[in-house]
N, C-alpha and C. Protein backbone atom coordinates (compact mmCIF):
# COMPACT_ATOMS: atom_id res chain seq x y z
N TYR A 1 0.77 -1.30 -0.10
CA TYR A 1 0.04 0.11 -0.02
C TYR A 1 0.75 1.35 -0.09
N ASP A 2 2.04 1.06 -0.17
CA ASP A 2 3.02 2.28 -0.10
C ASP A 2 3.00 2.77 -1.66
N LEU A 3 2.07 3.41 -2.05
CA LEU A 3 1.88 3.76 -3.46
C LEU A 3 3.02 4.49 -4.13
N ASP A 4 3.77 5.35 -3.35
CA ASP A 4 4.78 6.32 -4.02
C ASP A 4 6.11 5.55 -3.71
N ASN A 5 6.18 4.36 -3.21
CA ASN A 5 7.41 3.77 -2.85
C ASN A 5 8.46 4.62 -1.96
N SER A 6 7.85 5.29 -1.24
CA SER A 6 8.70 6.21 -0.25
C SER A 6 9.33 5.24 0.96
N GLY A 7 8.69 4.14 1.18
CA GLY A 7 9.12 3.42 2.42
C GLY A 7 8.23 3.59 3.72
N ASP A 8 7.27 4.59 3.41
CA ASP A 8 6.28 4.87 4.55
C ASP A 8 5.02 4.95 3.88
N ILE A 9 4.03 4.77 4.85
CA ILE A 9 2.64 4.73 4.60
C ILE A 9 2.02 6.06 5.21
N ASP A 10 1.63 7.06 4.35
CA ASP A 10 1.04 8.37 4.87
C ASP A 10 -0.39 8.19 4.91
N ILE A 11 -1.05 9.31 5.37
CA ILE A 11 -2.38 9.39 5.65
C ILE A 11 -3.23 9.00 4.40
N MET A 12 -2.86 9.51 3.20
CA MET A 12 -3.62 9.19 2.03
C MET A 12 -3.50 7.77 1.52
N GLU A 13 -2.25 7.21 1.72
CA GLU A 13 -2.15 5.75 1.36
C GLU A 13 -3.00 4.97 2.32
N LEU A 14 -3.02 5.27 3.54
CA LEU A 14 -3.70 4.55 4.64
C LEU A 14 -5.30 4.54 4.29
N LYS A 15 -5.60 5.73 3.82
CA LYS A 15 -7.16 6.04 3.50
C LYS A 15 -7.49 5.17 2.51
N GLN A 16 -6.63 5.11 1.32
CA GLN A 16 -6.84 4.26 0.18
C GLN A 16 -7.00 2.80 0.40
N MET A 17 -5.96 2.25 1.36
CA MET A 17 -5.92 1.08 1.80
C MET A 17 -7.34 0.57 2.55
N MET A 18 -7.72 1.49 3.48
CA MET A 18 -8.85 1.15 4.30
C MET A 18 -10.05 1.08 3.38
N GLU A 19 -10.23 1.98 2.47
CA GLU A 19 -11.44 1.90 1.53
C GLU A 19 -11.38 0.63 0.76
N LYS A 20 -10.13 0.22 0.15
CA LYS A 20 -10.08 -1.04 -0.64
C LYS A 20 -10.49 -2.19 0.34
N LEU A 21 -10.39 -2.20 1.63
CA LEU A 21 -10.76 -3.12 2.53
C LEU A 21 -12.15 -3.03 3.09
N GLY A 22 -12.77 -2.05 2.58
CA GLY A 22 -14.17 -1.97 2.82
C GLY A 22 -14.44 -1.19 4.15
N GLN A 23 -13.38 -0.63 4.79
CA GLN A 23 -13.36 -0.04 6.10
C GLN A 23 -13.29 1.53 6.05
N ALA A 24 -13.83 2.19 5.31
CA ALA A 24 -13.58 3.55 5.16
C ALA A 24 -13.42 4.36 6.46
N LYS A 25 -12.46 5.39 6.72
CA LYS A 25 -12.45 6.04 7.96
C LYS A 25 -12.35 7.42 7.68
N THR A 26 -12.69 8.29 8.81
CA THR A 26 -12.72 9.67 8.62
C THR A 26 -11.27 10.05 8.67
N HIS A 27 -10.90 11.26 8.38
CA HIS A 27 -9.77 11.87 8.53
C HIS A 27 -9.18 11.91 9.87
N LEU A 28 -9.97 12.22 10.92
CA LEU A 28 -9.45 12.03 12.31
C LEU A 28 -9.32 10.56 12.78
N GLU A 29 -10.03 9.55 12.35
CA GLU A 29 -9.79 8.30 12.68
C GLU A 29 -8.52 7.71 12.00
N LEU A 30 -8.27 8.31 10.80
CA LEU A 30 -6.98 7.87 10.16
C LEU A 30 -5.66 8.40 10.94
N LYS A 31 -5.83 9.66 11.38
CA LYS A 31 -4.78 10.31 12.18
C LYS A 31 -4.32 9.65 13.72
N LYS A 32 -5.68 9.10 14.12
CA LYS A 32 -5.46 8.45 15.33
C LYS A 32 -4.87 7.01 15.10
N MET A 33 -5.14 6.44 14.04
CA MET A 33 -4.57 5.19 13.60
C MET A 33 -3.05 5.33 13.43
N ILE A 34 -2.51 6.28 12.79
CA ILE A 34 -1.29 6.52 12.56
C ILE A 34 -0.65 6.94 13.93
N ALA A 35 -1.24 7.64 14.67
CA ALA A 35 -0.55 8.22 16.05
C ALA A 35 -0.26 6.85 16.93
N GLU A 36 -1.05 5.95 16.74
CA GLU A 36 -0.90 4.72 17.82
C GLU A 36 0.20 4.01 17.27
N ILE A 37 0.59 4.07 15.88
CA ILE A 37 1.58 3.23 15.44
C ILE A 37 3.05 3.87 15.38
N ASP A 38 2.89 5.16 15.12
CA ASP A 38 4.01 6.22 14.66
C ASP A 38 4.75 6.37 15.92
N THR A 39 5.80 5.64 16.13
CA THR A 39 6.79 5.86 17.41
C THR A 39 7.86 7.09 17.05
N THR A 40 8.03 7.40 15.99
CA THR A 40 8.91 8.49 15.52
C THR A 40 8.26 9.78 15.31
N ASN A 41 6.98 9.98 15.55
CA ASN A 41 6.11 11.07 15.52
C ASN A 41 6.43 11.72 13.99
N SER A 42 6.53 10.97 13.07
CA SER A 42 6.88 11.42 11.56
C SER A 42 5.39 11.76 10.98
N GLY A 43 4.26 11.32 11.54
CA GLY A 43 3.20 11.41 10.85
C GLY A 43 3.00 10.37 9.73
N THR A 44 3.74 9.55 9.60
CA THR A 44 3.88 8.40 8.59
C THR A 44 4.02 6.99 9.40
N ILE A 45 3.74 5.93 8.75
CA ILE A 45 3.97 4.60 9.27
C ILE A 45 5.30 4.03 8.63
N HIS A 46 6.37 4.00 9.28
CA HIS A 46 7.75 3.27 8.70
C HIS A 46 7.53 1.87 8.68
N TYR A 47 8.34 1.15 7.85
CA TYR A 47 8.33 -0.12 7.87
C TYR A 47 8.40 -0.87 9.26
N PRO A 48 9.49 -0.50 9.91
CA PRO A 48 9.64 -1.10 11.34
C PRO A 48 8.53 -1.01 12.21
N GLU A 49 7.87 0.13 12.22
CA GLU A 49 6.67 0.59 12.94
C GLU A 49 5.49 -0.45 12.41
N PHE A 50 5.38 -0.60 11.27
CA PHE A 50 4.45 -1.49 10.76
C PHE A 50 4.73 -3.09 11.27
N LEU A 51 6.03 -3.43 11.21
CA LEU A 51 6.28 -4.69 11.67
C LEU A 51 6.07 -4.93 13.31
N ASN A 52 6.23 -3.79 13.97
CA ASN A 52 6.00 -3.90 15.47
C ASN A 52 4.59 -3.90 15.60
N MET A 53 3.69 -3.31 14.91
CA MET A 53 2.10 -3.52 15.08
C MET A 53 1.76 -4.80 14.69
N MET A 54 2.29 -5.31 13.49
CA MET A 54 1.70 -6.63 13.16
C MET A 54 2.18 -7.99 13.94
N LEU A 55 3.63 -7.80 14.40
CA LEU A 55 4.26 -8.93 14.99
C LEU A 55 4.26 -8.84 16.44
N GLY A 56 4.09 -7.37 16.91
CA GLY A 56 4.47 -7.41 18.53
C GLY A 56 5.87 -7.16 18.76
N LYS A 57 6.22 -6.25 19.69
CA LYS A 57 7.56 -5.90 19.98
C LYS A 57 8.36 -6.96 20.43
N LYS A 58 7.97 -7.84 21.02
CA LYS A 58 8.73 -8.99 21.74
C LYS A 58 8.83 -10.21 20.72
N SER A 59 8.48 -10.07 19.56
CA SER A 59 8.35 -11.22 18.64
C SER A 59 9.78 -11.56 18.20
N SER A 60 10.28 -12.67 18.25
CA SER A 60 11.60 -13.09 17.87
C SER A 60 11.52 -13.13 16.20
N ILE A 61 10.56 -13.21 15.53
CA ILE A 61 10.43 -13.02 14.05
C ILE A 61 10.66 -11.48 13.75
N LEU A 62 10.15 -10.73 14.46
CA LEU A 62 10.37 -9.13 14.04
C LEU A 62 11.78 -8.87 14.27
N LYS A 63 12.59 -9.39 15.44
CA LYS A 63 13.95 -9.19 15.61
C LYS A 63 14.77 -9.72 14.46
N ILE A 64 14.48 -10.94 13.88
CA ILE A 64 15.21 -11.45 12.82
C ILE A 64 14.98 -10.71 11.38
N ILE A 65 13.83 -10.23 11.20
CA ILE A 65 13.36 -9.42 10.09
C ILE A 65 14.09 -8.19 10.10
N LEU A 66 14.11 -7.49 11.33
CA LEU A 66 14.84 -6.25 11.45
C LEU A 66 16.38 -6.20 11.15
N MET A 67 16.80 -7.41 11.88
CA MET A 67 18.41 -7.64 11.59
C MET A 67 18.73 -7.74 10.07
N PHE A 68 17.97 -8.46 9.24
CA PHE A 68 18.40 -8.49 7.99
C PHE A 68 18.02 -7.33 7.19
N GLU A 69 17.10 -6.63 7.65
CA GLU A 69 16.83 -5.29 7.00
C GLU A 69 18.09 -4.28 7.22
N GLU A 70 18.65 -4.35 8.29
CA GLU A 70 19.71 -3.44 8.59
C GLU A 70 20.99 -3.91 7.83
N LYS A 71 21.13 -5.32 7.87
CA LYS A 71 22.35 -5.79 7.04
C LYS A 71 22.31 -5.57 5.62
N ASN A 72 21.00 -5.45 5.00
CA ASN A 72 20.85 -5.26 3.59
C ASN A 72 21.29 -3.62 3.25
N LYS A 73 20.93 -2.94 4.39
CA LYS A 73 21.16 -1.54 4.24
C LYS A 73 22.78 -1.14 4.22
N GLU A 74 23.49 -2.03 5.06
CA GLU A 74 24.86 -1.95 5.17
C GLU A 74 25.72 -2.38 4.04
N LYS A 75 25.19 -3.16 3.12
CA LYS A 75 25.96 -3.85 2.14
C LYS A 75 26.17 -2.85 1.18
N ALA A 76 27.34 -2.74 0.61
CA ALA A 76 27.66 -1.86 -0.33
C ALA A 76 27.19 -2.23 -1.74
N LYS A 77 26.40 -1.44 -2.51
CA LYS A 77 25.77 -2.03 -3.90
C LYS A 77 26.73 -1.64 -4.75
N PRO A 78 27.11 -2.49 -5.64
CA PRO A 78 28.03 -2.15 -6.78
C PRO A 78 27.27 -1.24 -7.81
N THR A 79 28.32 -0.34 -8.38
CA THR A 79 27.74 0.68 -9.14
C THR A 79 28.32 0.42 -10.51
N GLY A 80 27.80 0.98 -11.55
CA GLY A 80 28.27 0.75 -12.88
C GLY A 80 27.99 -0.54 -13.51
N LEU A 81 28.68 -0.81 -14.80
CA LEU A 81 28.52 -2.18 -15.40
C LEU A 81 29.39 -3.18 -14.77
N PRO A 82 29.00 -4.33 -14.86
CA PRO A 82 29.92 -5.42 -14.23
C PRO A 82 31.16 -5.56 -15.32
N PRO A 83 32.26 -5.92 -14.75
CA PRO A 83 33.48 -6.30 -15.51
C PRO A 83 33.29 -7.26 -16.83
N LYS A 84 34.00 -6.85 -17.83
CA LYS A 84 33.78 -7.56 -19.10
C LYS A 84 34.56 -8.89 -18.77
N LYS A 85 34.14 -9.98 -19.43
CA LYS A 85 34.90 -11.30 -19.38
C LYS A 85 34.71 -11.92 -20.69
N SER A 86 35.91 -12.54 -20.88
CA SER A 86 36.14 -13.13 -22.27
C SER A 86 35.82 -14.68 -22.23
N LEU A 87 35.71 -15.52 -23.41
CA LEU A 87 35.16 -16.75 -23.19
C LEU A 87 36.24 -17.70 -22.42
N SER A 88 37.43 -17.25 -22.56
CA SER A 88 38.34 -18.00 -21.75
C SER A 88 38.33 -17.88 -20.36
N ASP A 89 37.49 -16.85 -19.73
CA ASP A 89 37.14 -16.76 -18.39
C ASP A 89 36.10 -17.69 -17.96
N LEU A 90 35.41 -18.45 -18.73
CA LEU A 90 34.30 -19.18 -18.47
C LEU A 90 34.81 -20.50 -17.73
N PRO A 91 34.08 -21.17 -16.84
CA PRO A 91 34.79 -22.46 -16.31
C PRO A 91 34.73 -23.60 -17.38
């Protein structure tokens, strides 16, 4: 439901999601929903906040998911084109 691929769910994305689920909410209800989940007070729902809500703060699954998410962020991603290889380089 992160329609703009920002990594966060904002109030309009939450509104659209709730409407698609047949649970339309008022603007005030949506703000309350976000406030209950938003631990960083950003006004949006970040991925870790979403996981906390869905899995619970003490969940071992949550800890593992967040650990892998952090490791993926730390990995240096290669830039540019891969090096050229000739046929003699093949096994």
